[in-house]
Amino acid sequence: MSQRHVELLIGRLVTDEELRRRFSQAPFETLAALSEQGCELTAGEIDALVSTDSRLWGKVAAKLPSRLQRCSLRPDPTAP
């Protein structure tokens, strides 16, 4: 079942701007919150996700049509 959760999480990382932002700022905390919501990940999967260059998710998202993405209405705290 864990592989299914990895696939769903990767899908959310490339389609959900808010989740992507939270994950890039605090990956362990974001994964812990998702775990509390029922997203089952092994320690190895967590390590693999955290060690992946977080810019990858944004690069993939930029290639997707906007209608396939969920945008965030919250201001980006890292924006100038």
PDB file of N, CA and C in Angstrom:
ATOM      1  N   MET A   1       0.826  -1.198   0.000  1.00  0.00           N
ATOM      2  CA  MET A   1       0.000   0.000   0.000  1.00  0.00           C
ATOM      3  C   MET A   1       0.866   1.256   0.000  1.00  0.00           C
ATOM      4  N   SER A   2       2.073   1.163   0.516  1.00  0.00           N
ATOM      5  CA  SER A   2       2.933   2.322   0.617  1.00  0.00           C
ATOM      6  C   SER A   2       3.275   2.906  -0.754  1.00  0.00           C
ATOM      7  N   GLN A   3       3.515   2.056  -1.753  1.00  0.00           N
ATOM      8  CA  GLN A   3       3.835   2.548  -3.097  1.00  0.00           C
ATOM      9  C   GLN A   3       2.698   3.420  -3.624  1.00  0.00           C
ATOM     10  N   ARG A   4       1.493   3.037  -3.343  1.00  0.00           N
ATOM     11  CA  ARG A   4       0.327   3.830  -3.768  1.00  0.00           C
ATOM     12  C   ARG A   4       0.368   5.214  -3.128  1.00  0.00           C
ATOM     13  N   HIS A   5       0.746   5.276  -1.863  1.00  0.00           N
ATOM     14  CA  HIS A   5       0.831   6.564  -1.172  1.00  0.00           C
ATOM     15  C   HIS A   5       1.948   7.426  -1.757  1.00  0.00           C
ATOM     16  N   VAL A   6       3.064   6.799  -2.124  1.00  0.00           N
ATOM     17  CA  VAL A   6       4.158   7.539  -2.762  1.00  0.00           C
ATOM     18  C   VAL A   6       3.668   8.148  -4.074  1.00  0.00           C
ATOM     19  N   GLU A   7       2.977   7.349  -4.866  1.00  0.00           N
ATOM     20  CA  GLU A   7       2.467   7.839  -6.148  1.00  0.00           C
ATOM     21  C   GLU A   7       1.483   8.993  -5.957  1.00  0.00           C
ATOM     22  N   LEU A   8       0.590   8.856  -4.997  1.00  0.00           N
ATOM     23  CA  LEU A   8      -0.376   9.927  -4.725  1.00  0.00           C
ATOM     24  C   LEU A   8       0.330  11.192  -4.240  1.00  0.00           C
ATOM     25  N   LEU A   9       1.319  11.021  -3.373  1.00  0.00           N
ATOM     26  CA  LEU A   9       2.039  12.174  -2.840  1.00  0.00           C
ATOM     27  C   LEU A   9       2.813  12.894  -3.939  1.00  0.00           C
ATOM     28  N   ILE A  10       3.481  12.148  -4.804  1.00  0.00           N
ATOM     29  CA  ILE A  10       4.202  12.783  -5.908  1.00  0.00           C
ATOM     30  C   ILE A  10       3.220  13.534  -6.807  1.00  0.00           C
ATOM     31  N   GLY A  11       2.085  12.937  -7.064  1.00  0.00           N
ATOM     32  CA  GLY A  11       1.060  13.628  -7.847  1.00  0.00           C
ATOM     33  C   GLY A  11       0.624  14.919  -7.191  1.00  0.00           C
ATOM     34  N   ARG A  12       0.440  14.884  -5.900  1.00  0.00           N
ATOM     35  CA  ARG A  12       0.036  16.108  -5.187  1.00  0.00           C
ATOM     36  C   ARG A  12       1.152  17.142  -5.190  1.00  0.00           C
ATOM     37  N   LEU A  13       2.401  16.697  -5.068  1.00  0.00           N
ATOM     38  CA  LEU A  13       3.513  17.649  -5.064  1.00  0.00           C
ATOM     39  C   LEU A  13       3.617  18.415  -6.381  1.00  0.00           C
ATOM     40  N   VAL A  14       3.250  17.790  -7.474  1.00  0.00           N
ATOM     41  CA  VAL A  14       3.349  18.494  -8.756  1.00  0.00           C
ATOM     42  C   VAL A  14       2.065  19.222  -9.137  1.00  0.00           C
ATOM     43  N   THR A  15       0.971  18.962  -8.431  1.00  0.00           N
ATOM     44  CA  THR A  15      -0.283  19.633  -8.791  1.00  0.00           C
ATOM     45  C   THR A  15      -0.822  20.572  -7.714  1.00  0.00           C
ATOM     46  N   ASP A  16      -0.271  20.536  -6.516  1.00  0.00           N
ATOM     47  CA  ASP A  16      -0.789  21.337  -5.402  1.00  0.00           C
ATOM     48  C   ASP A  16       0.285  22.327  -4.952  1.00  0.00           C
ATOM     49  N   GLU A  17       0.122  23.570  -5.359  1.00  0.00           N
ATOM     50  CA  GLU A  17       1.117  24.606  -5.079  1.00  0.00           C
ATOM     51  C   GLU A  17       1.370  24.787  -3.582  1.00  0.00           C
ATOM     52  N   GLU A  18       0.330  24.805  -2.784  1.00  0.00           N
ATOM     53  CA  GLU A  18       0.476  25.005  -1.342  1.00  0.00           C
ATOM     54  C   GLU A  18       1.248  23.847  -0.708  1.00  0.00           C
ATOM     55  N   LEU A  19       0.911  22.621  -1.061  1.00  0.00           N
ATOM     56  CA  LEU A  19       1.638  21.471  -0.522  1.00  0.00           C
ATOM     57  C   LEU A  19       3.096  21.519  -0.952  1.00  0.00           C
ATOM     58  N   ARG A  20       3.337  21.859  -2.204  1.00  0.00           N
ATOM     59  CA  ARG A  20       4.705  21.951  -2.714  1.00  0.00           C
ATOM     60  C   ARG A  20       5.498  22.987  -1.930  1.00  0.00           C
ATOM     61  N   ARG A  21       4.899  24.125  -1.632  1.00  0.00           N
ATOM     62  CA  ARG A  21       5.578  25.177  -0.872  1.00  0.00           C
ATOM     63  C   ARG A  21       5.880  24.703   0.549  1.00  0.00           C
ATOM     64  N   ARG A  22       4.880  24.097   1.192  1.00  0.00           N
ATOM     65  CA  ARG A  22       5.098  23.601   2.560  1.00  0.00           C
ATOM     66  C   ARG A  22       6.191  22.537   2.586  1.00  0.00           C
ATOM     67  N   PHE A  23       6.153  21.627   1.615  1.00  0.00           N
ATOM     68  CA  PHE A  23       7.135  20.549   1.567  1.00  0.00           C
ATOM     69  C   PHE A  23       8.545  21.093   1.346  1.00  0.00           C
ATOM     70  N   SER A  24       8.696  22.089   0.485  1.00  0.00           N
ATOM     71  CA  SER A  24      10.034  22.630   0.228  1.00  0.00           C
ATOM     72  C   SER A  24      10.571  23.389   1.437  1.00  0.00           C
ATOM     73  N   GLN A  25       9.692  23.970   2.248  1.00  0.00           N
ATOM     74  CA  GLN A  25      10.117  24.721   3.425  1.00  0.00           C
ATOM     75  C   GLN A  25      10.331  23.834   4.645  1.00  0.00           C
ATOM     76  N   ALA A  26       9.535  22.788   4.780  1.00  0.00           N
ATOM     77  CA  ALA A  26       9.605  21.914   5.963  1.00  0.00           C
ATOM     78  C   ALA A  26       9.193  20.494   5.566  1.00  0.00           C
ATOM     79  N   PRO A  27      10.079  19.770   4.893  1.00  0.00           N
ATOM     80  CA  PRO A  27       9.685  18.460   4.364  1.00  0.00           C
ATOM     81  C   PRO A  27       9.271  17.445   5.429  1.00  0.00           C
ATOM     82  N   PHE A  28      10.040  17.323   6.498  1.00  0.00           N
ATOM     83  CA  PHE A  28       9.700  16.323   7.518  1.00  0.00           C
ATOM     84  C   PHE A  28       8.377  16.647   8.201  1.00  0.00           C
ATOM     85  N   GLU A  29       8.169  17.921   8.507  1.00  0.00           N
ATOM     86  CA  GLU A  29       6.933  18.331   9.162  1.00  0.00           C
ATOM     87  C   GLU A  29       5.730  18.116   8.242  1.00  0.00           C
ATOM     88  N   THR A  30       5.904  18.400   6.963  1.00  0.00           N
ATOM     89  CA  THR A  30       4.823  18.203   5.996  1.00  0.00           C
ATOM     90  C   THR A  30       4.474  16.731   5.876  1.00  0.00           C
ATOM     91  N   LEU A  31       5.496  15.877   5.801  1.00  0.00           N
ATOM     92  CA  LEU A  31       5.245  14.437   5.707  1.00  0.00           C
ATOM     93  C   LEU A  31       4.618  13.904   6.993  1.00  0.00           C
ATOM     94  N   ALA A  32       5.012  14.453   8.138  1.00  0.00           N
ATOM     95  CA  ALA A  32       4.405  14.031   9.407  1.00  0.00           C
ATOM     96  C   ALA A  32       2.919  14.386   9.426  1.00  0.00           C
ATOM     97  N   ALA A  33       2.583  15.575   8.949  1.00  0.00           N
ATOM     98  CA  ALA A  33       1.175  15.988   8.898  1.00  0.00           C
ATOM     99  C   ALA A  33       0.386  15.088   7.949  1.00  0.00           C
ATOM    100  N   LEU A  34       0.973  14.739   6.826  1.00  0.00           N
ATOM    101  CA  LEU A  34       0.302  13.843   5.882  1.00  0.00           C
ATOM    102  C   LEU A  34       0.140  12.447   6.473  1.00  0.00           C
ATOM    103  N   SER A  35       1.116  12.029   7.253  1.00  0.00           N
ATOM    104  CA  SER A  35       1.033  10.726   7.922  1.00  0.00           C
ATOM    105  C   SER A  35      -0.146  10.696   8.890  1.00  0.00           C
ATOM    106  N   GLU A  36      -0.365  11.799   9.590  1.00  0.00           N
ATOM    107  CA  GLU A  36      -1.500  11.890  10.514  1.00  0.00           C
ATOM    108  C   GLU A  36      -2.831  11.823   9.769  1.00  0.00           C
ATOM    109  N   GLN A  37      -2.803  12.157   8.479  1.00  0.00           N
ATOM    110  CA  GLN A  37      -4.011  12.106   7.649  1.00  0.00           C
ATOM    111  C   GLN A  37      -4.155  10.764   6.938  1.00  0.00           C
ATOM    112  N   GLY A  38      -3.249   9.822   7.245  1.00  0.00           N
ATOM    113  CA  GLY A  38      -3.372   8.479   6.683  1.00  0.00           C
ATOM    114  C   GLY A  38      -2.428   8.137   5.553  1.00  0.00           C
ATOM    115  N   CYS A  39      -1.510   9.015   5.220  1.00  0.00           N
ATOM    116  CA  CYS A  39      -0.537   8.740   4.163  1.00  0.00           C
ATOM    117  C   CYS A  39       0.591   7.888   4.751  1.00  0.00           C
ATOM    118  N   GLU A  40       0.579   6.610   4.414  1.00  0.00           N
ATOM    119  CA  GLU A  40       1.547   5.671   4.976  1.00  0.00           C
ATOM    120  C   GLU A  40       2.812   5.640   4.127  1.00  0.00           C
ATOM    121  N   LEU A  41       3.938   6.013   4.735  1.00  0.00           N
ATOM    122  CA  LEU A  41       5.230   5.985   4.057  1.00  0.00           C
ATOM    123  C   LEU A  41       6.245   5.277   4.938  1.00  0.00           C
ATOM    124  N   THR A  42       7.137   4.522   4.319  1.00  0.00           N
ATOM    125  CA  THR A  42       8.209   3.882   5.073  1.00  0.00           C
ATOM    126  C   THR A  42       9.313   4.905   5.319  1.00  0.00           C
ATOM    127  N   ALA A  43      10.221   4.570   6.223  1.00  0.00           N
ATOM    128  CA  ALA A  43      11.354   5.455   6.499  1.00  0.00           C
ATOM    129  C   ALA A  43      12.185   5.661   5.238  1.00  0.00           C
ATOM    130  N   GLY A  44      12.358   4.612   4.450  1.00  0.00           N
ATOM    131  CA  GLY A  44      13.118   4.724   3.205  1.00  0.00           C
ATOM    132  C   GLY A  44      12.449   5.640   2.198  1.00  0.00           C
ATOM    133  N   GLU A  45      11.129   5.574   2.121  1.00  0.00           N
ATOM    134  CA  GLU A  45      10.391   6.445   1.204  1.00  0.00           C
ATOM    135  C   GLU A  45      10.472   7.897   1.655  1.00  0.00           C
ATOM    136  N   ILE A  46      10.382   8.105   2.953  1.00  0.00           N
ATOM    137  CA  ILE A  46      10.510   9.466   3.487  1.00  0.00           C
ATOM    138  C   ILE A  46      11.886  10.022   3.161  1.00  0.00           C
ATOM    139  N   ASP A  47      12.933   9.221   3.408  1.00  0.00           N
ATOM    140  CA  ASP A  47      14.296   9.661   3.098  1.00  0.00           C
ATOM    141  C   ASP A  47      14.448   9.990   1.614  1.00  0.00           C
ATOM    142  N   ALA A  48      13.889   9.135   0.756  1.00  0.00           N
ATOM    143  CA  ALA A  48      13.997   9.359  -0.689  1.00  0.00           C
ATOM    144  C   ALA A  48      13.284  10.641  -1.106  1.00  0.00           C
ATOM    145  N   LEU A  49      12.103  10.877  -0.570  1.00  0.00           N
ATOM    146  CA  LEU A  49      11.358  12.090  -0.917  1.00  0.00           C
ATOM    147  C   LEU A  49      12.075  13.342  -0.424  1.00  0.00           C
ATOM    148  N   VAL A  50      12.577  13.286   0.803  1.00  0.00           N
ATOM    149  CA  VAL A  50      13.254  14.447   1.382  1.00  0.00           C
ATOM    150  C   VAL A  50      14.571  14.728   0.662  1.00  0.00           C
ATOM    151  N   SER A  51      15.265  13.678   0.221  1.00  0.00           N
ATOM    152  CA  SER A  51      16.561  13.877  -0.432  1.00  0.00           C
ATOM    153  C   SER A  51      16.429  14.293  -1.899  1.00  0.00           C
ATOM    154  N   THR A  52      15.232  14.191  -2.465  1.00  0.00           N
ATOM    155  CA  THR A  52      15.010  14.637  -3.841  1.00  0.00           C
ATOM    156  C   THR A  52      15.081  16.159  -3.886  1.00  0.00           C
ATOM    157  N   ASP A  53      15.786  16.682  -4.854  1.00  0.00           N
ATOM    158  CA  ASP A  53      15.899  18.130  -5.015  1.00  0.00           C
ATOM    159  C   ASP A  53      14.488  18.715  -5.113  1.00  0.00           C
ATOM    160  N   SER A  54      14.117  19.547  -4.158  1.00  0.00           N
ATOM    161  CA  SER A  54      12.744  20.060  -4.096  1.00  0.00           C
ATOM    162  C   SER A  54      12.385  20.924  -5.302  1.00  0.00           C
ATOM    163  N   ARG A  55      13.371  21.405  -6.033  1.00  0.00           N
ATOM    164  CA  ARG A  55      13.082  22.191  -7.239  1.00  0.00           C
ATOM    165  C   ARG A  55      12.444  21.333  -8.327  1.00  0.00           C
ATOM    166  N   LEU A  56      12.654  20.017  -8.247  1.00  0.00           N
ATOM    167  CA  LEU A  56      12.084  19.111  -9.245  1.00  0.00           C
ATOM    168  C   LEU A  56      10.571  19.243  -9.324  1.00  0.00           C
ATOM    169  N   TRP A  57       9.908  19.311  -8.160  1.00  0.00           N
ATOM    170  CA  TRP A  57       8.446  19.347  -8.135  1.00  0.00           C
ATOM    171  C   TRP A  57       7.917  20.587  -8.853  1.00  0.00           C
ATOM    172  N   GLY A  58       8.564  21.725  -8.642  1.00  0.00           N
ATOM    173  CA  GLY A  58       8.154  22.955  -9.315  1.00  0.00           C
ATOM    174  C   GLY A  58       8.424  22.914 -10.808  1.00  0.00           C
ATOM    175  N   LYS A  59       9.542  22.289 -11.184  1.00  0.00           N
ATOM    176  CA  LYS A  59       9.866  22.175 -12.612  1.00  0.00           C
ATOM    177  C   LYS A  59       8.835  21.313 -13.332  1.00  0.00           C
ATOM    178  N   VAL A  60       8.451  20.213 -12.716  1.00  0.00           N
ATOM    179  CA  VAL A  60       7.433  19.353 -13.321  1.00  0.00           C
ATOM    180  C   VAL A  60       6.100  20.101 -13.377  1.00  0.00           C
ATOM    181  N   ALA A  61       5.755  20.793 -12.292  1.00  0.00           N
ATOM    182  CA  ALA A  61       4.495  21.541 -12.250  1.00  0.00           C
ATOM    183  C   ALA A  61       4.440  22.585 -13.359  1.00  0.00           C
ATOM    184  N   ALA A  62       5.569  23.215 -13.640  1.00  0.00           N
ATOM    185  CA  ALA A  62       5.606  24.254 -14.672  1.00  0.00           C
ATOM    186  C   ALA A  62       5.310  23.694 -16.060  1.00  0.00           C
ATOM    187  N   LYS A  63       5.523  22.402 -16.245  1.00  0.00           N
ATOM    188  CA  LYS A  63       5.273  21.764 -17.544  1.00  0.00           C
ATOM    189  C   LYS A  63       3.818  21.313 -17.706  1.00  0.00           C
ATOM    190  N   LEU A  64       3.074  21.274 -16.610  1.00  0.00           N
ATOM    191  CA  LEU A  64       1.680  20.827 -16.663  1.00  0.00           C
ATOM    192  C   LEU A  64       0.746  21.983 -17.009  1.00  0.00           C
ATOM    193  N   PRO A  65      -0.320  21.710 -17.726  1.00  0.00           N
ATOM    194  CA  PRO A  65      -1.318  22.761 -17.962  1.00  0.00           C
ATOM    195  C   PRO A  65      -1.889  23.248 -16.624  1.00  0.00           C
ATOM    196  N   SER A  66      -2.117  24.530 -16.517  1.00  0.00           N
ATOM    197  CA  SER A  66      -2.594  25.101 -15.256  1.00  0.00           C
ATOM    198  C   SER A  66      -3.924  24.510 -14.810  1.00  0.00           C
ATOM    199  N   ARG A  67      -4.725  24.050 -15.729  1.00  0.00           N
ATOM    200  CA  ARG A  67      -6.025  23.490 -15.337  1.00  0.00           C
ATOM    201  C   ARG A  67      -5.885  22.150 -14.612  1.00  0.00           C
ATOM    202  N   LEU A  68      -4.690  21.576 -14.631  1.00  0.00           N
ATOM    203  CA  LEU A  68      -4.442  20.339 -13.888  1.00  0.00           C
ATOM    204  C   LEU A  68      -3.859  20.602 -12.508  1.00  0.00           C
ATOM    205  N   GLN A  69      -3.683  21.874 -12.168  1.00  0.00           N
ATOM    206  CA  GLN A  69      -3.046  22.225 -10.907  1.00  0.00           C
ATOM    207  C   GLN A  69      -4.000  22.958  -9.978  1.00  0.00           C
ATOM    208  N   ARG A  70      -3.683  22.853  -8.709  1.00  0.00           N
ATOM    209  CA  ARG A  70      -4.402  23.609  -7.686  1.00  0.00           C
ATOM    210  C   ARG A  70      -3.486  24.757  -7.284  1.00  0.00           C
ATOM    211  N   CYS A  71      -3.955  25.976  -7.461  1.00  0.00           N
ATOM    212  CA  CYS A  71      -3.127  27.119  -7.098  1.00  0.00           C
ATOM    213  C   CYS A  71      -3.410  27.532  -5.660  1.00  0.00           C
ATOM    214  N   SER A  72      -2.431  28.191  -5.084  1.00  0.00           N
ATOM    215  CA  SER A  72      -2.570  28.684  -3.720  1.00  0.00           C
ATOM    216  C   SER A  72      -2.979  30.145  -3.761  1.00  0.00           C
ATOM    217  N   LEU A  73      -3.889  30.518  -2.891  1.00  0.00           N
ATOM    218  CA  LEU A  73      -4.294  31.912  -2.785  1.00  0.00           C
ATOM    219  C   LEU A  73      -3.553  32.621  -1.660  1.00  0.00           C
ATOM    220  N   ARG A  74      -2.700  31.878  -0.969  1.00  0.00           N
ATOM    221  CA  ARG A  74      -1.903  32.473   0.105  1.00  0.00           C
ATOM    222  C   ARG A  74      -0.671  33.138  -0.488  1.00  0.00           C
ATOM    223  N   PRO A  75      -0.258  34.268   0.086  1.00  0.00           N
ATOM    224  CA  PRO A  75       0.946  34.923  -0.420  1.00  0.00           C
ATOM    225  C   PRO A  75       2.177  34.067  -0.122  1.00  0.00           C
ATOM    226  N   ASP A  76       3.132  34.117  -1.024  1.00  0.00           N
ATOM    227  CA  ASP A  76       4.382  33.385  -0.845  1.00  0.00           C
ATOM    228  C   ASP A  76       5.263  34.178   0.115  1.00  0.00           C
ATOM    229  N   PRO A  77       5.569  33.633   1.297  1.00  0.00           N
ATOM    230  CA  PRO A  77       6.372  34.376   2.266  1.00  0.00           C
ATOM    231  C   PRO A  77       7.811  34.581   1.813  1.00  0.00           C
ATOM    232  N   THR A  78       8.263  33.844   0.806  1.00  0.00           N
ATOM    233  CA  THR A  78       9.638  33.998   0.333  1.00  0.00           C
ATOM    234  C   THR A  78       9.739  34.980  -0.821  1.00  0.00           C
ATOM    235  N   ALA A  79       8.595  35.465  -1.318  1.00  0.00           N
ATOM    236  CA  ALA A  79       8.604  36.416  -2.434  1.00  0.00           C
ATOM    237  C   ALA A  79       9.060  37.785  -1.941  1.00  0.00           C
ATOM    238  N   PRO A  80       9.807  38.496  -2.788  1.00  0.00           N
ATOM    239  CA  PRO A  80      10.290  39.840  -2.380  1.00  0.00           C
ATOM    240  C   PRO A  80       9.176  40.850  -2.271  1.00  0.00           C
TER     241      PRO A  80
END
